[in-house]
Protein backbone atom coordinates (compact mmCIF):
# COMPACT_ATOMS: atom_id res chain seq x y z
CA UNK A 1 8.45 1.12 -50.04
CA UNK A 2 4.69 -0.46 -51.10
CA UNK A 3 5.62 -3.17 -49.16
CA UNK A 4 6.65 -1.64 -46.22
CA UNK A 5 3.32 0.78 -46.21
CA UNK A 6 1.37 -1.66 -46.34
CA UNK A 7 3.50 -3.96 -43.39
CA UNK A 8 3.26 -1.34 -41.42
CA UNK A 9 -0.34 -0.87 -41.92
CA UNK A 10 -1.35 -4.14 -41.16
CA UNK A 11 0.29 -3.92 -37.85
CA UNK A 12 -1.12 -1.12 -36.67
CA UNK A 13 -4.62 -2.81 -37.51
CA UNK A 14 -3.54 -6.31 -35.28
CA UNK A 15 -2.27 -3.88 -33.00
CA UNK A 16 -5.56 -2.05 -32.76
CA UNK A 17 -7.44 -5.04 -33.02
CA UNK A 18 -5.35 -6.51 -29.83
CA UNK A 19 -6.64 -3.05 -27.55
CA UNK A 20 -10.50 -3.71 -28.78
CA UNK A 21 -10.77 -7.34 -27.87
CA UNK A 22 -7.98 -6.98 -24.32
CA UNK A 23 -9.85 -8.00 -21.32
CA UNK A 24 -12.40 -5.55 -20.21
CA UNK A 25 -10.91 -2.49 -18.13
CA UNK A 26 -11.67 -2.40 -14.62
CA UNK A 27 -12.15 1.63 -13.02
CA UNK A 28 -12.63 2.20 -9.32
CA UNK A 29 -14.75 5.61 -9.81
CA UNK A 30 -14.70 8.37 -7.15
CA UNK A 31 -18.92 8.44 -6.26
CA UNK A 32 -18.84 12.02 -7.54
CA UNK A 33 -18.18 10.89 -10.98
CA UNK A 34 -20.61 8.11 -10.85
CA UNK A 35 -23.33 9.51 -12.75
CA UNK A 36 -20.76 10.97 -15.31
CA UNK A 37 -19.08 7.97 -15.98
CA UNK A 38 -21.96 6.40 -17.47
CA UNK A 39 -21.50 8.33 -20.74
CA UNK A 40 -17.26 8.25 -20.04
CA UNK A 41 -18.01 4.83 -20.04
CA UNK A 42 -20.22 4.60 -23.30
CA UNK A 43 -18.15 7.83 -25.42
CA UNK A 44 -14.71 5.50 -24.57
CA UNK A 45 -16.74 2.11 -26.04
CA UNK A 46 -17.88 4.14 -28.76
CA UNK A 47 -14.88 5.69 -29.15
CA UNK A 48 -12.44 2.04 -28.78
CA UNK A 49 -13.96 -0.92 -28.78
CA UNK A 50 -13.23 -1.31 -25.32
CA UNK A 51 -15.49 -2.40 -22.46
CA UNK A 52 -15.18 -1.28 -18.95
CA UNK A 53 -16.21 -2.38 -15.28
CA UNK A 54 -16.74 0.00 -12.83
CA UNK A 55 -16.07 0.72 -8.97
CA UNK A 56 -17.72 3.50 -7.02
CA UNK A 57 -16.70 4.50 -3.81
CA UNK A 58 -15.16 6.96 -1.90
CA UNK A 59 -11.52 8.32 -3.02
CA UNK A 60 -9.88 6.82 0.20
CA UNK A 61 -11.52 3.35 0.42
CA UNK A 62 -10.48 3.21 -3.04
CA UNK A 63 -7.13 3.67 -2.01
CA UNK A 64 -7.43 1.07 0.27
CA UNK A 65 -8.53 -1.34 -1.20
CA UNK A 66 -6.13 -0.71 -3.48
CA UNK A 67 -3.60 -0.66 -0.85
CA UNK A 68 -4.64 -3.96 0.20
CA UNK A 69 -4.83 -5.63 -3.45
CA UNK A 70 -7.39 -4.79 -5.09
CA UNK A 71 -6.97 -5.88 -9.10
CA UNK A 72 -8.15 -2.60 -10.22
CA UNK A 73 -6.72 -0.76 -13.42
CA UNK A 74 -7.03 2.38 -13.27
CA UNK A 75 -8.40 5.33 -10.38
CA UNK A 76 -10.17 8.02 -10.79
CA UNK A 77 -9.59 9.81 -7.61
CA UNK A 78 -12.19 12.86 -6.63
CA UNK A 79 -8.48 14.33 -5.98
CA UNK A 80 -5.07 14.35 -5.99
CA UNK A 81 -3.26 13.20 -2.84
CA UNK A 82 -4.96 9.70 -2.37
CA UNK A 83 -3.58 8.73 -6.10
CA UNK A 84 -0.38 10.20 -5.78
CA UNK A 85 0.68 8.69 -2.50
CA UNK A 86 -0.81 5.37 -4.21
CA UNK A 87 2.55 6.48 -7.30
CA UNK A 88 4.82 6.87 -4.08
CA UNK A 89 4.32 3.60 -2.60
CA UNK A 90 4.53 1.70 -6.11
CA UNK A 91 1.09 1.20 -6.42
CA UNK A 92 0.83 3.48 -9.61
CA UNK A 93 3.16 3.66 -12.34
CA UNK A 94 3.22 7.39 -12.39
CA UNK A 95 2.11 10.76 -10.99
CA UNK A 96 -1.61 11.16 -11.47
CA UNK A 97 -3.35 13.34 -13.97
CA UNK A 98 -6.35 16.29 -13.28
CA UNK A 99 -8.93 15.35 -15.55
CA UNK A 100 -11.42 17.68 -13.46
CA UNK A 101 -11.72 20.22 -10.68
CA UNK A 102 -15.63 19.50 -8.79
CA UNK A 103 -17.71 21.58 -7.75
CA UNK A 104 -19.35 21.38 -3.97
CA UNK A 105 -23.28 22.94 -3.69
CA UNK A 106 -25.76 22.36 -1.28
CA UNK A 107 -28.92 20.31 -1.96
CA UNK A 108 -31.91 20.07 -0.43
CA UNK A 109 -35.48 18.68 -0.59
CA UNK A 110 -37.18 20.56 1.43
CA UNK A 111 -38.51 24.00 1.68
CA UNK A 112 -35.77 25.94 2.68
CA UNK A 113 -34.54 29.40 1.71
CA UNK A 114 -30.93 28.52 -0.28
CA UNK A 115 -30.64 32.98 -0.99
CA UNK A 116 -29.09 33.05 2.52
CA UNK A 117 -26.63 30.85 1.05
CA UNK A 118 -24.22 28.65 3.04
CA UNK A 119 -25.18 30.76 5.89
CA UNK A 120 -28.97 28.70 5.56
CA UNK A 121 -27.12 25.99 7.97
CA UNK A 122 -26.84 28.20 10.99
CA UNK A 123 -30.58 27.49 11.28
CA UNK A 124 -31.38 25.54 14.67
CA UNK A 125 -34.14 24.04 12.83
CA UNK A 126 -32.40 21.61 10.39
CA UNK A 127 -31.83 19.22 12.14
CA UNK A 128 -28.80 17.01 10.16
CA UNK A 129 -26.70 18.07 7.72
CA UNK A 130 -25.03 15.76 5.41
CA UNK A 131 -21.35 15.61 4.02
CA UNK A 132 -19.36 13.21 3.30
CA UNK A 133 -16.06 11.45 5.79
CA UNK A 134 -13.58 13.73 5.09
CA UNK A 135 -10.74 11.32 6.23
CA UNK A 136 -12.36 9.64 2.81
CA UNK A 137 -13.39 11.59 0.96
CA UNK A 138 -12.12 14.95 -1.03
CA UNK A 139 -15.45 16.50 -1.13
CA UNK A 140 -16.88 15.86 2.43
CA UNK A 141 -13.74 17.09 3.41
CA UNK A 142 -13.99 21.14 1.31
CA UNK A 143 -16.95 21.21 3.03
CA UNK A 144 -15.80 21.37 6.07
CA UNK A 145 -13.33 24.35 5.17
CA UNK A 146 -16.47 25.97 3.91
CA UNK A 147 -17.90 25.16 7.66
CA UNK A 148 -14.69 27.04 8.64
CA UNK A 149 -14.53 30.01 6.09
CA UNK A 150 -18.45 30.65 7.43
CA UNK A 151 -17.35 30.19 10.99
CA UNK A 152 -20.49 27.90 11.32
CA UNK A 153 -18.15 24.56 12.04
CA UNK A 154 -19.65 25.01 16.37
CA UNK A 155 -22.91 25.70 15.73
CA UNK A 156 -23.46 22.69 13.27
CA UNK A 157 -20.98 20.31 13.44
CA UNK A 158 -23.49 18.45 16.54
CA UNK A 159 -25.93 18.81 13.26
CA UNK A 160 -23.68 16.44 10.83
CA UNK A 161 -24.55 13.16 10.07
CA UNK A 162 -22.17 11.75 7.74
CA UNK A 163 -21.96 9.57 4.49
CA UNK A 164 -18.83 7.38 3.82
CA UNK A 165 -19.13 9.22 0.14
CA UNK A 166 -21.28 11.61 -1.99
CA UNK A 167 -23.12 8.22 -3.11
CA UNK A 168 -24.07 7.97 0.31
CA UNK A 169 -24.64 12.02 1.14
CA UNK A 170 -27.13 11.75 -1.70
CA UNK A 171 -29.45 9.13 -0.34
CA UNK A 172 -29.24 11.38 3.17
CA UNK A 173 -30.48 14.28 1.06
CA UNK A 174 -33.00 12.07 -1.31
CA UNK A 175 -34.68 10.15 0.97
CA UNK A 176 -35.07 14.06 3.50
CA UNK A 177 -33.09 11.34 6.32
CA UNK A 178 -31.23 14.82 6.13
CA UNK A 179 -32.63 18.22 5.71
CA UNK A 180 -29.62 19.57 3.58
CA UNK A 181 -26.70 18.43 2.49
CA UNK A 182 -22.39 19.18 0.55
CA UNK A 183 -22.47 17.25 -2.40
CA UNK A 184 -21.37 17.48 -6.22
CA UNK A 185 -22.77 19.81 -8.80
CA UNK A 186 -22.31 17.08 -10.79
CA UNK A 187 -24.75 15.07 -9.24
CA UNK A 188 -27.38 17.93 -8.95
CA UNK A 189 -27.44 17.46 -13.04
CA UNK A 190 -27.50 14.74 -13.76
CA UNK A 191 -30.05 13.16 -15.70
CA UNK A 192 -31.35 10.78 -12.91
CA UNK A 193 -32.14 13.65 -10.30
CA UNK A 194 -32.49 16.73 -11.90
CA UNK A 195 -34.82 18.90 -10.85
CA UNK A 196 -35.42 16.83 -7.69
CA UNK A 197 -35.59 19.65 -4.60
CA UNK A 198 -33.16 22.35 -5.21
CA UNK A 199 -29.44 23.56 -4.61
CA UNK A 200 -26.69 25.80 -4.87
CA UNK A 201 -23.30 26.05 -5.44
CA UNK A 202 -21.01 26.87 -3.47
CA UNK A 203 -19.01 30.24 -3.03
CA UNK A 204 -15.35 29.03 -4.34
CA UNK A 205 -13.30 31.35 -2.34
CA UNK A 206 -14.50 29.43 0.99
CA UNK A 207 -13.11 26.11 -0.26
CA UNK A 208 -9.78 24.71 -1.61
CA UNK A 209 -10.06 23.91 -5.46
CA UNK A 210 -11.16 20.28 -5.82
CA UNK A 211 -8.63 18.60 -8.62
CA UNK A 212 -9.54 15.26 -9.19
CA UNK A 213 -6.54 12.47 -11.02
CA UNK A 214 -6.19 10.10 -12.76
CA UNK A 215 -3.95 7.33 -12.48
CA UNK A 216 -3.19 3.63 -14.20
CA UNK A 217 -2.34 1.25 -11.20
CA UNK A 218 -0.20 -1.16 -10.89
CA UNK A 219 -2.18 -3.78 -11.84
CA UNK A 220 -3.56 -2.42 -15.23
CA UNK A 221 -0.24 -1.85 -16.23
CA UNK A 222 0.75 -5.23 -15.21
CA UNK A 223 -2.40 -6.79 -17.05
CA UNK A 224 -3.83 -4.50 -19.21
CA UNK A 225 -1.38 -1.64 -20.19
CA UNK A 226 -2.11 -1.00 -23.56
CA UNK A 227 -6.15 -0.41 -22.61
CA UNK A 228 -5.67 1.58 -19.68
CA UNK A 229 -3.72 4.07 -21.54
CA UNK A 230 -5.81 4.75 -24.04
CA UNK A 231 -8.27 5.56 -21.43
CA UNK A 232 -6.15 7.53 -20.06
CA UNK A 233 -6.06 9.19 -22.66
CA UNK A 234 -9.45 9.27 -23.72
CA UNK A 235 -10.26 11.47 -20.66
CA UNK A 236 -8.40 14.51 -22.01
CA UNK A 237 -10.41 13.99 -25.41
CA UNK A 238 -12.87 17.09 -26.07
CA UNK A 239 -15.16 13.73 -25.91
CA UNK A 240 -14.44 13.19 -22.87
CA UNK A 241 -13.88 17.31 -21.84
CA UNK A 242 -17.50 18.09 -23.10
CA UNK A 243 -19.25 15.47 -20.94
CA UNK A 244 -17.57 16.69 -18.13
CA UNK A 245 -18.39 20.18 -18.31
CA UNK A 246 -22.21 19.01 -19.24
CA UNK A 247 -21.79 17.63 -15.50
CA UNK A 248 -20.74 20.46 -13.63
CA UNK A 249 -17.23 19.82 -13.73
CA UNK A 250 -14.14 22.69 -14.35
CA UNK A 251 -11.86 21.33 -17.21
CA UNK A 252 -7.84 21.94 -17.11
C-alpha cells in the first residue's frame, strides 16, 4: 500500500512538472481585458508556472482570425456570441463559460459636466464621440443600445467615430481626438489610467448585461490541452475573481 501511494505521488509530480514545462499558452484577449490581463497572467504564472503569450484585439477580429486558422489556445471574449459561434462551427471544444460581466462607462479628458449623465452626449459642442465598432466589439454594440435607450442615436450618430476595439477608443479619448467616448470600466480603473480625466458609469438598465466568455479553442485542445484547461479553471478561482472585481467587472 505504501509503495502504491509513493507511485501515485510520483505520477502526480510527473504530471504537474509536465504541465509546468508545457509550451507557453497562447490566449487571445478581448481588448477590454487588456489591463486586467497583466495581473491575471502574473497570478496564473505564479500559481501554475505556466507562461502565457497574449494577443489583444476586438472579439470579432479574434473570432475571424480563429476561423482563418490562427493558432490560439484559449479565447477570452468580451461576449458569449463570438465564442459560441466558434463552438458551433467546431473551432472550440466546448461551450464558453462566463468569467465576468463588463460595465460600460463614459470617459472624457475634457471639462464636461458629467452630472447630467448620458444626456451630455446631446450637446452639439461635442464634436466627436468615440465608440467601438459594434460589428466587432460587444462594448460598441451595447453602447449603441444605450443611445437608443436614451433616444440619442439621431443626434449623436453623425458625430460618432468608431474604433476597431476598445483599445482604439481609449486612444481616441486619451489623445482628445474625441471629446468623450464609451469604454469599459476596467480601463478607467487600470493603474496606468487611474485618475486621468473623469468618467461615469452608464446606467445598467440602458444596455444588456455584457456576459464575457472563456473557451478552449480546437488548437489549444490539440496542442496544449492540460495548460488550457488549467487556465479556464483558474478564471473561476478566487484569485482571478478578485483581480476582475478590482478592475470593475461583476463576477458570476
